[in-house]
C-alpha atoms as a PDB file:
ATOM      1  CA  MET A   1     207.744   1.602 199.158  1.00  0.00           C
ATOM      2  CA  THR A   2     207.895  -0.846 196.257  1.00  0.00           C
ATOM      3  CA  ILE A   3     207.172  -4.533 196.491  1.00  0.00           C
ATOM      4  CA  PRO A   4     209.536  -6.840 194.584  1.00  0.00           C
ATOM      5  CA  ARG A   5     207.639  -8.879 192.009  1.00  0.00           C
ATOM      6  CA  ASP A   6     210.335 -11.452 191.264  1.00  0.00           C
ATOM      7  CA  GLY A   7     210.230 -14.892 192.830  1.00  0.00           C
ATOM      8  CA  ARG A   8     207.710 -17.536 193.782  1.00  0.00           C
ATOM      9  CA  THR A   9     204.141 -16.365 193.327  1.00  0.00           C
ATOM     10  CA  SER A  10     202.070 -19.468 194.016  1.00  0.00           C
ATOM     11  CA  THR A  11     202.306 -23.215 194.559  1.00  0.00           C
ATOM     12  CA  LEU A  12     199.525 -24.877 192.575  1.00  0.00           C
ATOM     13  CA  TRP A  13     200.039 -28.385 193.954  1.00  0.00           C
ATOM     14  CA  ASN A  14     202.445 -30.769 195.719  1.00  0.00           C
ATOM     15  CA  LEU A  15     202.542 -34.521 195.141  1.00  0.00           C
ATOM     16  CA  ILE A  16     204.588 -37.224 196.876  1.00  0.00           C
ATOM     17  CA  LEU A  17     205.595 -40.802 195.981  1.00  0.00           C
ATOM     18  CA  ASN A  18     208.049 -42.908 198.009  1.00  0.00           C
ATOM     19  CA  ASP A  19     209.450 -39.830 199.801  1.00  0.00           C
ATOM     20  CA  ASN A  20     209.923 -38.034 196.457  1.00  0.00           C
ATOM     21  CA  ARG A  21     208.129 -34.697 196.273  1.00  0.00           C
ATOM     22  CA  VAL A  22     207.121 -32.809 193.128  1.00  0.00           C
ATOM     23  CA  SER A  23     205.709 -29.273 193.155  1.00  0.00           C
ATOM     24  CA  CYS A  24     203.992 -27.206 190.485  1.00  0.00           C
ATOM     25  CA  VAL A  25     205.001 -23.600 191.146  1.00  0.00           C
ATOM     26  CA  VAL A  26     204.346 -20.271 189.425  1.00  0.00           C
ATOM     27  CA  TYR A  27     207.143 -17.696 189.482  1.00  0.00           C
ATOM     28  CA  HIS A  28     207.157 -14.078 188.401  1.00  0.00           C
ATOM     29  CA  GLY A  29     210.383 -12.839 186.863  1.00  0.00           C
ATOM     30  CA  PRO A  30     211.761 -10.250 184.465  1.00  0.00           C
ATOM     31  CA  ASN A  31     210.191 -12.035 181.473  1.00  0.00           C
ATOM     32  CA  GLY A  32     206.742 -12.454 183.010  1.00  0.00           C
ATOM     33  CA  MET A  33     205.168 -15.484 184.641  1.00  0.00           C
ATOM     34  CA  GLU A  34     206.790 -18.904 184.484  1.00  0.00           C
ATOM     35  CA  LEU A  35     205.569 -22.374 185.450  1.00  0.00           C
ATOM     36  CA  ARG A  36     208.067 -24.758 187.017  1.00  0.00           C
ATOM     37  CA  ILE A  37     207.764 -28.395 187.978  1.00  0.00           C
ATOM     38  CA  GLU A  38     210.292 -28.860 190.773  1.00  0.00           C
ATOM     39  CA  SER A  39     211.711 -31.678 192.865  1.00  0.00           C
ATOM     40  CA  ALA A  40     214.274 -31.680 195.658  1.00  0.00           C
ATOM     41  CA  LYS A  41     216.977 -32.394 193.052  1.00  0.00           C
ATOM     42  CA  GLY A  42     216.080 -29.412 190.863  1.00  0.00           C
ATOM     43  CA  THR A  43     213.775 -28.052 188.204  1.00  0.00           C
ATOM     44  CA  ILE A  44     212.203 -30.683 185.940  1.00  0.00           C
ATOM     45  CA  LEU A  45     210.284 -28.388 183.584  1.00  0.00           C
ATOM     46  CA  THR A  46     210.114 -24.646 182.945  1.00  0.00           C
ATOM     47  CA  GLU A  47     207.737 -22.905 180.551  1.00  0.00           C
ATOM     48  CA  PRO A  48     206.064 -19.508 180.127  1.00  0.00           C
ATOM     49  CA  PHE A  49     202.770 -19.291 182.000  1.00  0.00           C
ATOM     50  CA  ASP A  50     199.663 -17.140 181.953  1.00  0.00           C
ATOM     51  CA  MET A  51     196.542 -17.453 184.056  1.00  0.00           C
ATOM     52  CA  GLN A  52     194.423 -18.582 181.128  1.00  0.00           C
ATOM     53  CA  PRO A  53     192.105 -21.613 181.154  1.00  0.00           C
ATOM     54  CA  ARG A  54     194.327 -23.568 178.749  1.00  0.00           C
ATOM     55  CA  SER A  55     197.418 -23.193 180.961  1.00  0.00           C
ATOM     56  CA  MET A  56     195.486 -24.142 184.084  1.00  0.00           C
ATOM     57  CA  ALA A  57     194.000 -27.171 182.294  1.00  0.00           C
ATOM     58  CA  ARG A  58     197.512 -28.369 181.404  1.00  0.00           C
ATOM     59  CA  THR A  59     198.605 -28.240 185.047  1.00  0.00           C
ATOM     60  CA  ARG A  60     195.463 -30.132 186.123  1.00  0.00           C
ATOM     61  CA  ALA A  61     196.036 -32.774 183.416  1.00  0.00           C
ATOM     62  CA  LEU A  62     199.633 -33.303 184.568  1.00  0.00           C
ATOM     63  CA  ARG A  63     198.504 -33.608 188.196  1.00  0.00           C
ATOM     64  CA  LYS A  64     195.798 -36.148 187.269  1.00  0.00           C
ATOM     65  CA  SER A  65     198.294 -38.141 185.203  1.00  0.00           C
ATOM     66  CA  LEU A  66     200.775 -38.330 188.081  1.00  0.00           C
ATOM     67  CA  LYS A  67     198.016 -39.317 190.523  1.00  0.00           C
ATOM     68  CA  ARG A  68     196.983 -42.178 188.199  1.00  0.00           C
ATOM     69  CA  ARG A  69     200.588 -43.388 188.436  1.00  0.00           C
ATOM     70  CA  GLY A  70     200.450 -43.544 192.234  1.00  0.00           C
ATOM     71  CA  TRP A  71     201.474 -40.043 193.331  1.00  0.00           C
ATOM     72  CA  LYS A  72     199.494 -38.707 196.314  1.00  0.00           C
ATOM     73  CA  GLU A  73     198.492 -35.237 197.510  1.00  0.00           C
ATOM     74  CA  GLU A  74     200.867 -33.952 200.124  1.00  0.00           C
END
Protein backbone atom coordinates (compact mmCIF):
# COMPACT_ATOMS: atom_id res chain seq x y z
CA MET A 1 0.00 0.00 0.00
CA THR A 2 1.31 3.45 -0.88
CA ILE A 3 0.49 6.62 0.97
CA PRO A 4 -0.25 9.69 -1.17
CA ARG A 5 2.20 12.49 -0.40
CA ASP A 6 0.33 15.33 -2.11
CA GLY A 7 -1.77 17.75 -0.11
CA ARG A 8 -1.71 19.54 3.22
CA THR A 9 1.16 18.42 5.41
CA SER A 10 1.01 20.77 8.39
CA THR A 11 -0.64 23.93 9.67
CA LEU A 12 2.02 26.07 11.33
CA TRP A 13 -0.34 28.68 12.77
CA ASN A 14 -3.81 30.26 12.56
CA LEU A 15 -4.56 33.89 13.37
CA ILE A 16 -7.89 35.74 13.53
CA LEU A 17 -8.91 39.42 13.39
CA ASN A 18 -12.52 40.64 13.20
CA ASP A 19 -13.78 37.20 12.08
CA ASN A 20 -11.09 37.05 9.37
CA ARG A 21 -8.87 33.98 9.63
CA VAL A 22 -5.39 33.55 8.16
CA SER A 23 -3.49 30.24 8.16
CA CYS A 24 0.13 29.39 7.44
CA VAL A 25 0.09 25.93 5.86
CA VAL A 26 2.74 23.62 4.41
CA TYR A 27 1.74 21.48 1.43
CA HIS A 28 3.60 18.68 -0.30
CA GLY A 29 3.11 18.46 -4.04
CA PRO A 30 4.79 17.25 -7.22
CA ASN A 31 7.42 20.02 -7.01
CA GLY A 32 8.28 19.48 -3.34
CA MET A 33 7.15 21.40 -0.28
CA GLU A 34 5.26 24.67 -0.56
CA LEU A 35 4.28 27.30 2.01
CA ARG A 36 0.89 28.96 1.63
CA ILE A 37 -0.70 31.81 3.52
CA GLU A 38 -4.44 31.23 3.16
CA SER A 39 -7.67 32.98 4.05
CA ALA A 40 -11.29 31.98 3.52
CA LYS A 41 -11.25 33.94 0.23
CA GLY A 42 -8.21 32.11 -1.17
CA THR A 43 -4.45 31.85 -1.19
CA ILE A 44 -2.61 35.07 -0.33
CA LEU A 45 0.97 33.86 -0.79
CA THR A 46 2.65 30.75 -2.18
CA GLU A 47 6.38 30.03 -2.13
CA PRO A 48 8.72 27.02 -2.11
CA PHE A 49 9.43 25.78 1.40
CA ASP A 50 12.01 23.63 3.14
CA MET A 51 12.29 22.79 6.81
CA GLN A 52 15.40 24.90 7.28
CA PRO A 53 15.90 27.44 10.08
CA ARG A 54 15.72 30.40 7.67
CA SER A 55 12.32 29.35 6.29
CA MET A 56 10.94 28.73 9.77
CA ALA A 57 12.26 32.11 10.94
CA ARG A 58 10.41 33.83 8.09
CA THR A 59 7.11 32.24 9.12
CA ARG A 60 7.68 33.26 12.76
CA ALA A 61 8.53 36.83 11.71
CA LEU A 62 5.33 37.09 9.66
CA ARG A 63 3.27 35.73 12.57
CA LYS A 64 4.86 38.21 15.01
CA SER A 65 4.25 41.08 12.58
CA LEU A 66 0.57 40.20 12.21
CA LYS A 67 0.18 39.85 15.99
CA ARG A 68 1.67 43.34 16.47
CA ARG A 69 -1.08 44.60 14.14
CA GLY A 70 -3.82 43.11 16.32
CA TRP A 71 -4.21 39.56 14.99
CA LYS A 72 -4.79 36.94 17.71
CA GLU A 73 -4.02 33.23 18.03
CA GLU A 74 -7.01 31.13 17.15
